Each structure stands twice: as C-alpha cells, then as structure tokens.
Amino acid sequence: MTGRVLIIDDEKNIRKTVEMIHRNAGWQAASAANGTEALAQLEHTRFDIVYLDLVMPEKDGIEILRDIKERWPDQLVVILTGNATIERAVGATKLGAFDFLEKDCGKEKILLTSKNALEYRSLTEENRMLRTRIAGRRVLLGSSRVMQNIAEQLSKVAPSNARVLILGESGTGKELIAQAIHDRSQRSAGPFIKVNCAAIPEELIEAELFGSVKGAFTGAETREGKFQAAHGGTLLLDEIGDMSLRVQTKVLRTLQEGEISKVGSNQTIRVDVRIIAATNKNLGEEVAKGTFREDLYFRLNVVPIVAPPLREHAEDIPLLAKAFVEEYCEENGVPSKKLDDPVVEILKRYPWPGNVRELRNQIERLVIMSPGRTIRIADLSAEIRMGPASFATAEGMYPPHPSLQTSAAQFAPSHSTPITGSLQDAKRTFERTMILHALHENDWNISRAAQQLGLERTNLHKKIRQLNLRKDSK
C-alpha cells in the first residue's frame, strides 16, 4: 500500500531522509523547506500524507497546519517533532493532525505511520461511499415503469464520462440521481462535490467554483474552488438555471479547455471533472429568453434525464413511505412503527406538490409525533387527510380521497328521507354514529379509536358516558 507524500521541514537532511525512506518503499515523495513552498505544491498536487515539522523559522508548523486544514480539511498531516516539542505536537492533534512522530523514531515507525494513515483514509472513504450509495438507492426505490426507466438510463450513462442534465420539479430527487450516477461510475472512488448555484450570491459564485487568490477582492483569501476540489471525481452544478451569464461563460470555457483560472490569477490549472447539471427550470425557454447560453446548454445536455414528480409514480409511495419510516425510527431511536393501511391509501392519493422531499418530511414528522406504534389517520395533518381543495394535473383536478367521501356518505341521511328534529339532535346522532363506528372498527380499543377520531383518550371516555355507549350498542 503506497501513495504520495510531502515532507515539510527546514532541515535539508530530515527532508531527504524521510523522502528517501518513502521512495525506497515505493512511494512518490516530494519536499518543501517552508510553508510557502508547501502550500504552493498542495495547490497543484494531491498528496495522501503531509509530514510537517513544528519548528521552522518563517512560519511555524502550527500556523501551516491551520492553513492546510482550512483549505483542505481532509488532508492527512503527521507532525514531526523533537523531544522539546512533544507537548505542542499533542496539541497539534487537536487541530486535526493525524499523528505525531519524533524525528529519530526510525524507518519502520515512519513507514508504519504512513501505512496506518492510508488505511485510515481508505476506511473513511469506504464509509463515505457506503453512505452515499445508500442515499443514491433511495430515489430508485419502486417498481413502477417510470422508475424502471430511470434505472435503465442510469445503468447506461453511469459507466460513461458523458455529461448529464437532470431536469425535474423541486423535491424529485435530482441530487440523489446525480449521486447514484457518481456511485456507479468509474470515478466512484473520487470526490462527489455539490454546488447549489441558486444559494450562493452572484458576487461569490465565481470564487466558489474556481477558487481565489489572496487580495482578489475584499476579504479574499487563497482557496481551492469546487472544480479543483472535484478533480478526479464528479461535480454537480445544482440549480444551474439560476447561474448568471457571466459565470456561465467561464463554466463553458472550463468545459471546453479542461482548465480553470482562480479569481485574481492568470495561471491556469488543469482539472479532470465530470459535470452533472440539474435544474427545475426549462432551459430551452431560458435560452429563448436570453438568460441562458445556448452553447452551454448544448454542452450540458448530452444525456438528459427527467426526474418524475411523485404523482406520476404514486404506486411507489408505499415502498418509499415504509423505507422512510424505518430510516427515521432508527435515526431517532424510536421503537419500530408501521403505517396503517388507510394511511397508506391516503398517502397514495395525495398529489405531493413537494414530491419525494415532502413525503420524506411528512414521514419524519409522523415518526416523531405519532403516539403509538401504528401511524393512523388521526396522526396525519389536516391537509394530508383532506387533500388540497383542488389540484390541477394533466389528468384533471385532484379528487377527494375516496375513504373521506365514503365517510361523509356513510353518516349522512338519504336525500329521499325527510329531515326532521332540531340541529342539536342531528349533531348528537351524527357524533354518536361516528364514535360508535370507530369503536367497533378498533374492537373497542379506546386508545386506537381516540387516535382515529383525533380526540384525547379522556375526552373519548367522557363522550362514551354522555352518549351511553356500550359494546352491544348499534
């Protein structure tokens, strides 16, 4: 197990010794005599491990460590120290150093530390990939024809290096589709970097994407941009339809040339990045309006994938909802729960204008707030229970849930029957019928009946006494 190592030390003999130990073991090694040289090398080359001396004349190791961790938080740094600086070396580990070694520790100890650092990086990366793969699979849950088509598209495009444009409404899982493409690609071991173009102010998005040099603008520091951070991996440009024309021009040049220039610098840096773009806007219309570059649109739209709204594959809702319940029970340390069948039916009929994201949020609330092990209709919000008053779709208006229509018809008098008596009597009769129906439906389990009716258990007991209800009542 070998990699690339950088040794930072003002003592030439130490640099050469540690460098030679690694080269003889098959590593690639480089060195720097001070922090300025080291940071310049780190800007252009990725090192698996940095060996850093604590005591140096210009900038000491603690300052350099802070600089490294600020710009490259995942960089593994091993501190080199003499006896007099061991206490400071221990303190350096609190700032993010992986380990520390005394300079006279010997060849075997140095190589063992490097091996341990690589194993740590490998384990961390493996855990990250497992987490992202699980996340990527969530959006693919479902056996509907729509989701099968998405899965087929992913299986074809993921192994390639083609650019992908993911289109769809907010909340449809565009980011998860992008993650799934990365996880199944030949770049899966590389970074997956996300940028929400709509969430970053226009004056900052250029530096966010391409990086900056110190003094390029007020408050600017030398930093790595997202394109550079994604080198060897995938960059998701989310909500790209909100990117300004000026930044679009620079992105287009990067796609054409495969290189970037930091803000405030004329120096170019080569980058090897696969681009996935996503938007909830119709980019064809944006091109026609002059708010999106046509040449960039064609560069990005090599393989378009449309993330379907949830209402177009409602048959997948039971599987998604069940998976979310299990996930949030585990995440919140809640005993396992299940969705009552009538609840699942209501979830299937609701139009979900916020799509999978809205369903996920609702399930999280239900897991946390529902009192019992079974999530029932009474636990749902009024909006979900009743549905919007109207919801325009390609098929027409969203109809009320049939179970709610049935409930209303079940307890309403026939139109052919003359309505007599006072309003108070009618109200009492209607209430008695509903409560008795809920009690019989739940085998006279007061708690479950109360949940179904949306009442407190004590209030239901009170109403049972007032209405003189018994198990043999009809």
Protein backbone atom coordinates (compact mmCIF):
# COMPACT_ATOMS: atom_id res chain seq x y z
CA MET A 1 0.00 0.00 0.00
CA THR A 2 1.77 3.16 -1.24
CA GLY A 3 0.83 6.70 -2.14
CA ARG A 4 2.16 10.24 -2.47
CA VAL A 5 3.82 12.04 0.44
CA LEU A 6 5.06 15.62 1.03
CA ILE A 7 7.72 16.42 3.67
CA ILE A 8 7.83 19.97 5.06
CA ASP A 9 10.95 20.73 7.11
CA ASP A 10 13.57 23.48 7.10
CA GLU A 11 16.32 20.92 7.76
CA LYS A 12 17.52 19.52 4.44
CA ASN A 13 18.83 16.26 5.97
CA ILE A 14 15.44 15.49 7.57
CA ARG A 15 13.64 16.20 4.31
CA LYS A 16 15.95 13.97 2.31
CA THR A 17 15.87 11.16 4.89
CA VAL A 18 12.07 10.94 5.16
CA GLU A 19 11.77 11.37 1.39
CA MET A 20 14.25 8.54 0.72
CA ILE A 21 12.58 6.19 3.24
CA HIS A 22 9.34 6.52 1.30
CA ARG A 23 10.89 6.34 -2.18
CA ASN A 24 12.71 3.12 -1.28
CA ALA A 25 9.36 1.65 -0.17
CA GLY A 26 7.71 2.52 -3.50
CA TRP A 27 6.11 5.84 -2.57
CA GLN A 28 6.13 9.04 -4.61
CA ALA A 29 7.74 11.75 -2.47
CA ALA A 30 8.31 15.50 -2.62
CA SER A 31 9.58 18.04 -0.11
CA ALA A 32 9.39 21.72 0.81
CA ALA A 33 11.67 23.86 3.00
CA ASN A 34 8.90 26.14 4.32
CA GLY A 35 5.18 26.73 4.43
CA THR A 36 5.05 28.95 1.33
CA GLU A 37 6.68 26.27 -0.84
CA ALA A 38 4.48 23.55 0.68
CA LEU A 39 1.18 25.40 0.13
CA ALA A 40 2.18 26.12 -3.48
CA GLN A 41 2.73 22.39 -4.07
CA LEU A 42 -0.52 21.47 -2.34
CA GLU A 43 -2.37 23.89 -4.63
CA HIS A 44 -1.38 21.84 -7.68
CA THR A 45 -0.77 18.30 -6.42
CA ARG A 46 -2.82 16.00 -4.22
CA PHE A 47 -0.76 14.29 -1.50
CA ASP A 48 -2.03 11.38 0.57
CA ILE A 49 0.08 12.38 3.59
CA VAL A 50 1.95 15.51 4.65
CA TYR A 51 4.83 15.24 7.15
CA LEU A 52 5.16 18.61 8.89
CA ASP A 53 7.94 19.94 11.15
CA LEU A 54 6.70 22.06 14.07
CA VAL A 55 9.70 24.36 14.50
CA MET A 56 10.58 26.42 11.41
CA PRO A 57 11.96 29.96 11.07
CA GLU A 58 9.36 31.80 8.94
CA LYS A 59 6.03 30.22 9.76
CA ASP A 60 5.87 27.52 12.41
CA GLY A 61 4.17 24.16 11.92
CA ILE A 62 1.04 25.06 13.89
CA GLU A 63 0.32 28.01 11.56
CA ILE A 64 0.97 25.87 8.49
CA LEU A 65 -1.27 23.12 9.88
CA ARG A 66 -4.08 25.65 10.34
CA ASP A 67 -3.62 26.86 6.75
CA ILE A 68 -3.70 23.31 5.38
CA LYS A 69 -6.78 22.30 7.36
CA GLU A 70 -8.61 25.48 6.40
CA ARG A 71 -8.08 24.89 2.69
CA TRP A 72 -8.05 21.08 2.57
CA PRO A 73 -9.90 19.76 5.67
CA ASP A 74 -9.44 16.10 4.66
CA GLN A 75 -5.66 16.34 4.19
CA LEU A 76 -3.83 13.88 6.48
CA VAL A 77 -0.96 15.57 8.35
CA VAL A 78 1.67 13.83 10.51
CA ILE A 79 3.68 16.10 12.81
CA LEU A 80 7.49 15.67 13.02
CA THR A 81 8.83 16.79 16.39
CA GLY A 82 11.85 16.82 18.67
CA ASN A 83 11.69 15.92 22.36
CA ALA A 84 11.24 19.55 23.38
CA THR A 85 8.11 19.98 21.29
CA ILE A 86 6.14 16.81 22.10
CA GLU A 87 3.61 18.77 24.17
CA ARG A 88 2.98 21.08 21.20
CA ALA A 89 2.70 18.06 18.91
CA VAL A 90 -0.03 16.61 21.11
CA GLY A 91 -1.80 19.96 20.88
CA ALA A 92 -1.48 19.80 17.09
CA THR A 93 -3.53 16.62 17.01
CA LYS A 94 -6.39 18.63 18.50
CA LEU A 95 -6.15 20.90 15.46
CA GLY A 96 -6.61 17.94 13.14
CA ALA A 97 -3.17 16.32 12.80
CA PHE A 98 -3.47 12.57 12.19
CA ASP A 99 -0.47 11.62 14.36
CA PHE A 100 2.94 12.84 15.53
CA LEU A 101 6.41 11.25 15.40
CA GLU A 102 9.74 12.06 16.96
CA LYS A 103 12.33 12.75 14.29
CA ASP A 104 14.62 9.94 15.44
CA CYS A 105 11.86 7.32 15.57
CA GLY A 106 13.39 5.18 12.81
CA LYS A 107 12.44 3.97 9.34
CA GLU A 108 9.99 1.24 10.43
CA LYS A 109 7.94 3.63 12.58
CA ILE A 110 7.69 6.19 9.77
CA LEU A 111 6.54 3.62 7.21
CA LEU A 112 4.07 2.10 9.70
CA THR A 113 2.58 5.55 10.36
CA SER A 114 2.23 6.18 6.62
CA LYS A 115 0.58 2.78 6.16
CA ASN A 116 -1.84 3.48 9.03
CA ALA A 117 -2.71 6.88 7.54
CA LEU A 118 -3.51 5.31 4.16
CA GLU A 119 -5.65 2.62 5.81
CA TYR A 120 -7.49 5.32 7.74
CA ARG A 121 -8.11 7.27 4.52
CA SER A 122 -9.31 4.12 2.77
CA LEU A 123 -11.70 3.24 5.61
CA THR A 124 -13.06 6.79 5.76
CA GLU A 125 -13.61 6.82 2.01
CA GLU A 126 -15.29 3.41 2.10
CA ASN A 127 -17.70 4.58 4.80
CA ARG A 128 -18.47 7.71 2.80
CA MET A 129 -19.14 5.68 -0.32
CA LEU A 130 -21.43 3.29 1.56
CA ARG A 131 -23.42 6.20 2.95
CA THR A 132 -23.76 7.89 -0.42
CA ARG A 133 -24.68 4.63 -2.15
CA ILE A 134 -27.49 4.08 0.36
CA ALA A 135 -28.63 7.65 -0.27
CA GLY A 136 -28.41 7.13 -4.01
CA ARG A 137 -30.55 4.00 -3.87
CA ARG A 138 -33.41 5.74 -2.04
CA VAL A 139 -34.53 7.59 -5.11
CA LEU A 140 -34.54 4.33 -7.07
CA LEU A 141 -36.98 2.61 -4.72
CA GLY A 142 -40.02 1.50 -6.65
CA SER A 143 -41.19 -0.95 -9.26
CA SER A 144 -43.20 1.48 -11.40
CA ARG A 145 -42.44 1.71 -15.10
CA VAL A 146 -41.24 5.30 -14.57
CA MET A 147 -38.62 4.25 -12.02
CA GLN A 148 -37.58 1.24 -14.09
CA ASN A 149 -36.90 3.63 -16.98
CA ILE A 150 -34.76 5.81 -14.69
CA ALA A 151 -32.81 2.76 -13.52
CA GLU A 152 -32.18 1.69 -17.13
CA GLN A 153 -30.94 5.17 -18.05
CA LEU A 154 -28.59 5.21 -15.06
CA SER A 155 -27.15 1.80 -15.91
CA LYS A 156 -26.26 3.06 -19.40
CA VAL A 157 -24.96 6.54 -18.63
CA ALA A 158 -23.17 5.99 -15.29
CA PRO A 159 -20.14 3.99 -16.60
CA SER A 160 -19.51 6.60 -19.30
CA ASN A 161 -17.91 10.01 -18.87
CA ALA A 162 -20.80 11.82 -20.57
CA ARG A 163 -22.25 15.00 -19.11
CA VAL A 164 -25.78 14.61 -17.76
CA LEU A 165 -28.53 17.21 -17.38
CA ILE A 166 -31.14 16.23 -14.78
CA LEU A 167 -34.48 18.01 -15.14
CA GLY A 168 -37.43 17.95 -12.79
CA GLU A 169 -39.55 19.73 -10.22
CA SER A 170 -38.15 20.63 -6.80
CA GLY A 171 -38.01 17.66 -4.43
CA THR A 172 -37.99 14.94 -7.09
CA GLY A 173 -34.55 13.64 -6.09
CA LYS A 174 -32.32 15.19 -8.75
CA GLU A 175 -29.37 15.31 -6.35
CA LEU A 176 -29.83 11.65 -5.44
CA ILE A 177 -29.91 10.68 -9.11
CA ALA A 178 -26.62 12.55 -9.58
CA GLN A 179 -25.17 10.74 -6.56
CA ALA A 180 -26.31 7.39 -7.99
CA ILE A 181 -24.59 8.18 -11.30
CA HIS A 182 -21.34 9.01 -9.49
CA ASP A 183 -21.53 5.88 -7.31
CA ARG A 184 -21.90 3.65 -10.37
CA SER A 185 -19.23 5.42 -12.40
CA GLN A 186 -15.52 4.74 -12.85
CA ARG A 187 -14.98 7.86 -10.70
CA SER A 188 -16.76 6.48 -7.64
CA ALA A 189 -13.55 6.46 -5.58
CA GLY A 190 -13.10 10.16 -6.34
CA PRO A 191 -14.90 13.11 -4.73
CA PHE A 192 -18.56 13.97 -5.34
CA ILE A 193 -18.85 17.75 -4.94
CA LYS A 194 -22.17 19.63 -4.94
CA VAL A 195 -22.78 23.32 -5.59
CA ASN A 196 -26.21 24.94 -5.29
CA CYS A 197 -25.92 27.78 -7.78
CA ALA A 198 -29.12 29.42 -6.50
CA ALA A 199 -27.94 29.54 -2.87
CA ILE A 200 -24.69 31.48 -3.45
CA PRO A 201 -24.72 35.25 -4.14
CA GLU A 202 -23.69 36.17 -7.68
CA GLU A 203 -20.63 38.08 -6.49
CA LEU A 204 -19.32 34.96 -4.69
CA ILE A 205 -20.28 32.10 -7.01
CA GLU A 206 -17.24 32.57 -9.29
CA ALA A 207 -14.80 32.25 -6.37
CA GLU A 208 -16.81 29.31 -5.03
CA LEU A 209 -16.48 27.44 -8.32
CA PHE A 210 -12.98 28.40 -9.44
CA GLY A 211 -11.22 29.44 -6.23
CA SER A 212 -9.45 32.71 -5.50
CA VAL A 213 -6.07 34.17 -4.61
CA LYS A 214 -5.45 36.45 -1.67
CA GLY A 215 -6.44 40.06 -2.39
CA ALA A 216 -8.50 39.24 -5.49
CA PHE A 217 -11.42 41.07 -3.86
CA THR A 218 -12.24 42.45 -0.44
CA GLY A 219 -11.66 39.72 2.13
CA ALA A 220 -10.44 37.21 -0.45
CA GLU A 221 -8.00 34.51 0.67
CA THR A 222 -6.17 31.92 -1.40
CA ARG A 223 -8.54 28.98 -1.60
CA GLU A 224 -9.46 25.99 -3.70
CA GLY A 225 -12.65 26.14 -5.77
CA LYS A 226 -15.20 23.37 -6.30
CA PHE A 227 -13.84 22.45 -9.75
CA GLN A 228 -10.41 21.83 -8.25
CA ALA A 229 -11.88 20.00 -5.24
CA ALA A 230 -13.77 17.68 -7.64
CA HIS A 231 -10.63 16.76 -9.62
CA GLY A 232 -10.80 13.06 -10.47
CA GLY A 233 -14.47 12.90 -9.48
CA THR A 234 -17.86 14.45 -10.20
CA LEU A 235 -19.17 18.00 -9.81
CA LEU A 236 -22.93 18.57 -9.50
CA LEU A 237 -23.99 22.05 -10.59
CA ASP A 238 -27.43 22.14 -8.96
CA GLU A 239 -30.00 24.77 -9.96
CA ILE A 240 -27.76 25.79 -12.87
CA GLY A 241 -30.66 27.69 -14.42
CA ASP A 242 -30.06 30.38 -11.78
CA MET A 243 -26.40 30.93 -12.75
CA SER A 244 -25.53 34.38 -14.13
CA LEU A 245 -24.48 34.78 -17.77
CA ARG A 246 -21.02 35.97 -16.71
CA VAL A 247 -20.33 32.82 -14.72
CA GLN A 248 -21.91 30.67 -17.45
CA THR A 249 -19.23 31.99 -19.83
CA LYS A 250 -16.43 30.90 -17.52
CA VAL A 251 -18.04 27.47 -16.95
CA LEU A 252 -18.32 27.00 -20.71
CA ARG A 253 -14.61 27.78 -21.14
CA THR A 254 -13.75 25.24 -18.43
CA LEU A 255 -15.79 22.56 -20.18
CA GLN A 256 -14.07 23.36 -23.49
CA GLU A 257 -10.49 23.65 -22.24
CA GLY A 258 -10.45 21.38 -19.17
CA GLU A 259 -8.74 24.05 -17.10
CA ILE A 260 -9.61 26.83 -14.66
CA SER A 261 -8.18 30.14 -13.51
CA LYS A 262 -8.72 31.28 -9.96
CA VAL A 263 -10.28 34.69 -9.39
CA GLY A 264 -7.42 37.20 -9.34
CA SER A 265 -4.94 34.87 -11.09
CA ASN A 266 -3.83 34.43 -14.70
CA GLN A 267 -2.37 30.99 -14.01
CA THR A 268 -4.34 28.02 -15.38
CA ILE A 269 -4.87 24.75 -13.53
CA ARG A 270 -5.83 21.52 -15.29
CA VAL A 271 -8.90 19.77 -13.91
CA ASP A 272 -10.40 16.38 -14.73
CA VAL A 273 -14.03 16.60 -13.67
CA ARG A 274 -17.26 15.01 -14.82
CA ILE A 275 -20.08 17.56 -14.85
CA ILE A 276 -23.67 16.77 -13.92
CA ALA A 277 -26.09 19.71 -14.02
CA ALA A 278 -29.58 19.88 -12.53
CA THR A 279 -32.41 22.39 -12.70
CA ASN A 280 -36.14 22.78 -12.13
CA LYS A 281 -36.30 25.31 -14.96
CA ASN A 282 -36.96 24.72 -18.65
CA LEU A 283 -33.54 25.62 -20.04
CA GLY A 284 -34.89 25.70 -23.59
CA GLU A 285 -37.21 28.53 -22.55
CA GLU A 286 -34.37 30.25 -20.67
CA VAL A 287 -32.27 30.12 -23.86
CA ALA A 288 -35.13 31.69 -25.83
CA LYS A 289 -35.40 34.47 -23.22
CA GLY A 290 -31.66 35.11 -23.41
CA THR A 291 -30.98 34.22 -19.74
CA PHE A 292 -29.05 31.03 -20.52
CA ARG A 293 -26.30 30.49 -23.07
CA GLU A 294 -27.33 28.22 -25.92
CA ASP A 295 -23.80 26.87 -26.39
CA LEU A 296 -23.55 25.96 -22.68
CA TYR A 297 -27.00 24.33 -22.82
CA PHE A 298 -25.85 22.05 -25.65
CA ARG A 299 -22.59 21.27 -23.82
CA LEU A 300 -24.50 20.18 -20.72
CA ASN A 301 -27.45 18.45 -22.39
CA VAL A 302 -25.53 15.43 -23.68
CA VAL A 303 -27.71 12.93 -21.79
CA PRO A 304 -30.93 14.40 -20.36
CA ILE A 305 -32.70 12.57 -17.53
CA VAL A 306 -36.11 13.69 -16.29
CA ALA A 307 -36.79 13.10 -12.58
CA PRO A 308 -40.51 12.33 -12.45
CA PRO A 309 -42.87 14.04 -9.98
CA LEU A 310 -44.13 11.69 -7.30
CA ARG A 311 -47.74 11.94 -8.51
CA GLU A 312 -46.65 10.20 -11.74
CA HIS A 313 -45.49 7.08 -9.88
CA ALA A 314 -47.79 7.05 -6.86
CA GLU A 315 -47.71 3.24 -6.85
CA ASP A 316 -44.18 3.55 -5.41
CA ILE A 317 -45.35 5.56 -2.39
CA PRO A 318 -46.00 2.55 -0.09
CA LEU A 319 -42.44 1.29 -0.58
CA LEU A 320 -40.92 4.76 -0.16
CA ALA A 321 -43.01 5.54 2.92
CA LYS A 322 -42.11 2.22 4.57
CA ALA A 323 -38.40 2.82 3.91
CA PHE A 324 -38.61 6.35 5.37
CA VAL A 325 -40.43 5.08 8.48
CA GLU A 326 -37.70 2.51 9.11
CA GLU A 327 -34.98 5.09 8.47
CA TYR A 328 -36.38 7.72 10.86
CA CYS A 329 -37.24 5.22 13.59
CA GLU A 330 -33.60 4.10 13.58
CA GLU A 331 -32.24 7.64 13.28
CA ASN A 332 -34.31 8.97 16.19
CA GLY A 333 -34.04 5.92 18.45
CA VAL A 334 -37.80 5.36 18.20
CA PRO A 335 -39.30 1.85 18.53
CA SER A 336 -40.25 0.47 15.12
CA LYS A 337 -43.53 1.77 13.75
CA LYS A 338 -45.77 0.92 10.82
CA LEU A 339 -48.28 2.77 8.68
CA ASP A 340 -51.93 1.77 8.97
CA ASP A 341 -53.38 0.62 5.63
CA PRO A 342 -55.87 3.55 5.38
CA VAL A 343 -52.93 5.94 5.92
CA VAL A 344 -51.03 4.38 3.03
CA GLU A 345 -54.07 4.80 0.79
CA ILE A 346 -54.33 8.49 1.69
CA LEU A 347 -50.62 8.98 1.05
CA LYS A 348 -51.05 7.40 -2.38
CA ARG A 349 -53.91 9.74 -3.28
CA TYR A 350 -52.29 12.97 -2.09
CA PRO A 351 -50.68 14.92 -5.01
CA TRP A 352 -47.39 15.74 -3.18
CA PRO A 353 -46.58 19.11 -4.77
CA GLY A 354 -43.24 18.95 -2.90
CA ASN A 355 -42.63 15.44 -4.29
CA VAL A 356 -40.38 12.89 -2.53
CA ARG A 357 -38.87 15.59 -0.29
CA GLU A 358 -42.33 16.50 1.02
CA LEU A 359 -43.21 12.83 1.59
CA ARG A 360 -39.94 12.31 3.47
CA ASN A 361 -40.59 15.35 5.68
CA GLN A 362 -44.14 14.20 6.46
CA ILE A 363 -42.96 10.70 7.39
CA GLU A 364 -40.26 12.12 9.67
CA ARG A 365 -42.90 14.21 11.49
CA LEU A 366 -45.23 11.22 11.79
CA VAL A 367 -42.48 9.00 13.23
CA ILE A 368 -41.56 11.60 15.83
CA MET A 369 -45.05 12.86 16.76
CA SER A 370 -47.37 9.86 16.49
CA PRO A 371 -48.03 8.37 19.96
CA GLY A 372 -48.49 4.72 19.06
CA ARG A 373 -46.58 2.00 17.24
CA THR A 374 -49.08 2.26 14.36
CA ILE A 375 -49.39 5.54 12.48
CA ARG A 376 -53.09 6.18 11.93
CA ILE A 377 -55.27 8.63 10.01
CA ALA A 378 -55.67 10.89 13.04
CA ASP A 379 -51.87 11.36 13.11
CA LEU A 380 -51.88 12.90 9.63
CA SER A 381 -52.06 16.65 9.17
CA ALA A 382 -55.43 18.04 8.08
CA GLU A 383 -54.02 18.95 4.66
CA ILE A 384 -52.84 15.39 4.01
CA ARG A 385 -56.07 13.85 5.37
CA MET A 386 -58.39 16.03 3.29
CA GLY A 387 -56.17 16.80 0.30
CA PRO A 388 -56.00 20.26 -1.30
CA ALA A 389 -59.34 21.74 -2.28
CA SER A 390 -58.28 21.34 -5.90
CA PHE A 391 -55.11 20.30 -7.66
CA ALA A 392 -54.66 20.72 -11.41
CA THR A 393 -52.84 17.86 -13.14
CA ALA A 394 -52.55 16.68 -16.69
CA GLU A 395 -55.45 14.33 -15.96
CA GLY A 396 -57.69 17.00 -14.42
CA MET A 397 -58.49 18.12 -10.90
CA TYR A 398 -57.28 16.20 -7.89
CA PRO A 399 -60.33 14.34 -6.45
CA PRO A 400 -61.01 13.98 -2.72
CA HIS A 401 -59.77 10.75 -1.19
CA PRO A 402 -62.47 8.06 -1.64
CA SER A 403 -62.31 6.98 2.01
CA LEU A 404 -63.26 10.51 3.03
CA GLN A 405 -66.10 10.56 0.52
CA THR A 406 -67.31 7.26 1.92
CA SER A 407 -67.16 8.53 5.47
CA ALA A 408 -69.27 11.55 4.60
CA ALA A 409 -71.83 9.48 2.70
CA GLN A 410 -71.88 6.77 5.33
CA PHE A 411 -73.09 9.08 8.07
CA ALA A 412 -75.26 11.47 6.03
CA PRO A 413 -79.06 10.97 5.79
CA SER A 414 -80.55 9.90 2.50
CA HIS A 415 -81.78 12.75 0.26
CA SER A 416 -85.09 10.93 -0.02
CA THR A 417 -85.54 10.90 3.75
CA PRO A 418 -87.28 13.97 5.20
CA ILE A 419 -85.01 15.73 7.71
CA THR A 420 -86.85 16.38 10.99
CA GLY A 421 -85.88 17.35 14.52
CA SER A 422 -83.52 20.02 15.87
CA LEU A 423 -79.97 20.73 14.69
CA GLN A 424 -78.72 19.69 18.14
CA ASP A 425 -80.40 16.27 17.78
CA ALA A 426 -78.86 15.80 14.32
CA LYS A 427 -75.42 16.73 15.63
CA ARG A 428 -75.76 14.29 18.55
CA THR A 429 -76.87 11.48 16.23
CA PHE A 430 -74.01 12.13 13.79
CA GLU A 431 -71.43 12.23 16.61
CA ARG A 432 -72.82 9.04 18.19
CA THR A 433 -72.65 7.19 14.86
CA MET A 434 -69.06 8.25 14.11
CA ILE A 435 -67.79 7.39 17.60
CA LEU A 436 -69.57 4.03 17.64
CA HIS A 437 -68.19 3.22 14.17
CA ALA A 438 -64.62 3.99 15.32
CA LEU A 439 -65.05 1.90 18.49
CA HIS A 440 -66.36 -1.13 16.61
CA GLU A 441 -63.66 -0.73 13.93
CA ASN A 442 -60.96 -0.84 16.64
CA ASP A 443 -62.57 -3.64 18.71
CA TRP A 444 -63.40 -1.10 21.42
CA ASN A 445 -59.75 -0.24 21.96
CA ILE A 446 -60.24 3.27 23.38
CA SER A 447 -56.72 4.50 22.60
CA ARG A 448 -56.82 3.46 18.93
CA ALA A 449 -60.35 4.80 18.46
CA ALA A 450 -59.33 8.12 20.02
CA GLN A 451 -56.37 8.37 17.64
CA GLN A 452 -58.60 7.67 14.65
CA LEU A 453 -61.09 10.33 15.74
CA GLY A 454 -58.41 12.86 16.65
CA LEU A 455 -59.53 13.01 20.30
CA GLU A 456 -57.77 12.75 23.62
CA ARG A 457 -58.41 9.39 25.31
CA THR A 458 -60.08 11.10 28.32
CA ASN A 459 -62.37 13.11 26.02
CA LEU A 460 -63.48 9.93 24.25
CA HIS A 461 -64.25 8.27 27.60
CA LYS A 462 -66.35 11.31 28.52
CA LYS A 463 -68.31 11.18 25.25
CA ILE A 464 -68.91 7.43 25.63
CA ARG A 465 -70.52 8.12 29.03
CA GLN A 466 -72.54 11.08 27.72
CA LEU A 467 -73.87 9.06 24.79
CA ASN A 468 -74.41 5.95 26.93
CA LEU A 469 -72.50 3.72 24.52
CA ARG A 470 -71.78 0.06 25.15
CA LYS A 471 -70.19 -2.76 23.17
CA ASP A 472 -73.64 -4.03 22.13
CA SER A 473 -74.82 -0.55 21.04
CA LYS A 474 -75.85 -0.17 17.41
